[in-house]
Amino acid sequence: MRTRGVETIRFYERRGLMPEPPRAPSGYRRYPRDAADRLRFIRRAKHLG
């Protein structure tokens, strides 16, 4: 994933648009499958204004 994309997702988490996902024992975020759908919805809503 691009750095810019990671920063965008973290921003959405801070703003409450994306729930913070659980973490693996290694500390990596483990996003559920529906997270991609939610990101697409946010991007589309942003595009529509």
C-alpha atoms as a PDB file:
ATOM      1  CA  MET A   1       0.000   0.000   0.000  1.00  0.00           C
ATOM      2  CA  ARG A   2       1.228   3.468  -0.789  1.00  0.00           C
ATOM      3  CA  THR A   3       2.261   5.701   2.097  1.00  0.00           C
ATOM      4  CA  ARG A   4      -0.314   8.292   1.103  1.00  0.00           C
ATOM      5  CA  GLY A   5      -3.049   5.640   1.273  1.00  0.00           C
ATOM      6  CA  VAL A   6      -1.941   4.596   4.734  1.00  0.00           C
ATOM      7  CA  GLU A   7      -2.015   8.205   5.928  1.00  0.00           C
ATOM      8  CA  THR A   8      -5.512   8.620   4.482  1.00  0.00           C
ATOM      9  CA  ILE A   9      -6.817   5.537   6.262  1.00  0.00           C
ATOM     10  CA  ARG A  10      -5.288   6.693   9.570  1.00  0.00           C
ATOM     11  CA  PHE A  11      -6.956  10.087   9.049  1.00  0.00           C
ATOM     12  CA  TYR A  12     -10.327   8.392   8.500  1.00  0.00           C
ATOM     13  CA  GLU A  13      -9.798   6.387  11.696  1.00  0.00           C
ATOM     14  CA  ARG A  14      -9.018   9.543  13.705  1.00  0.00           C
ATOM     15  CA  ARG A  15     -12.120  11.276  12.299  1.00  0.00           C
ATOM     16  CA  GLY A  16     -14.337   8.307  13.146  1.00  0.00           C
ATOM     17  CA  LEU A  17     -15.121   7.404   9.532  1.00  0.00           C
ATOM     18  CA  MET A  18     -13.356   4.053   9.809  1.00  0.00           C
ATOM     19  CA  PRO A  19     -13.291   1.992  12.987  1.00  0.00           C
ATOM     20  CA  GLU A  20      -9.813   1.169  14.226  1.00  0.00           C
ATOM     21  CA  PRO A  21      -9.257  -2.489  13.373  1.00  0.00           C
ATOM     22  CA  PRO A  22      -7.965  -5.129  15.750  1.00  0.00           C
ATOM     23  CA  ARG A  23      -4.245  -5.780  15.724  1.00  0.00           C
ATOM     24  CA  ALA A  24      -2.349  -8.957  15.116  1.00  0.00           C
ATOM     25  CA  PRO A  25       0.104 -10.076  17.808  1.00  0.00           C
ATOM     26  CA  SER A  26       2.831  -8.486  15.679  1.00  0.00           C
ATOM     27  CA  GLY A  27       1.087  -5.096  15.969  1.00  0.00           C
ATOM     28  CA  TYR A  28      -0.093  -4.913  12.371  1.00  0.00           C
ATOM     29  CA  ARG A  29      -3.640  -3.750  11.791  1.00  0.00           C
ATOM     30  CA  ARG A  30      -5.965  -6.494  10.543  1.00  0.00           C
ATOM     31  CA  TYR A  31      -8.744  -4.890   8.525  1.00  0.00           C
ATOM     32  CA  PRO A  32     -11.972  -6.837   8.047  1.00  0.00           C
ATOM     33  CA  ARG A  33     -13.117  -7.601   4.514  1.00  0.00           C
ATOM     34  CA  ASP A  34     -15.808  -4.909   4.572  1.00  0.00           C
ATOM     35  CA  ALA A  35     -13.223  -2.167   5.197  1.00  0.00           C
ATOM     36  CA  ALA A  36     -12.563  -1.891   1.447  1.00  0.00           C
ATOM     37  CA  ASP A  37     -16.285  -1.340   0.819  1.00  0.00           C
ATOM     38  CA  ARG A  38     -16.345   1.383   3.443  1.00  0.00           C
ATOM     39  CA  LEU A  39     -13.294   3.084   1.906  1.00  0.00           C
ATOM     40  CA  ARG A  40     -14.945   3.039  -1.523  1.00  0.00           C
ATOM     41  CA  PHE A  41     -18.088   4.568  -0.014  1.00  0.00           C
ATOM     42  CA  ILE A  42     -16.071   7.362   1.663  1.00  0.00           C
ATOM     43  CA  ARG A  43     -14.172   8.117  -1.551  1.00  0.00           C
ATOM     44  CA  ARG A  44     -17.399   8.195  -3.569  1.00  0.00           C
ATOM     45  CA  ALA A  45     -19.125  10.463  -1.027  1.00  0.00           C
ATOM     46  CA  LYS A  46     -16.096  12.775  -1.067  1.00  0.00           C
ATOM     47  CA  HIS A  47     -16.213  12.889  -4.863  1.00  0.00           C
ATOM     48  CA  LEU A  48     -19.939  13.735  -4.833  1.00  0.00           C
ATOM     49  CA  GLY A  49     -19.372  16.517  -2.306  1.00  0.00           C
END
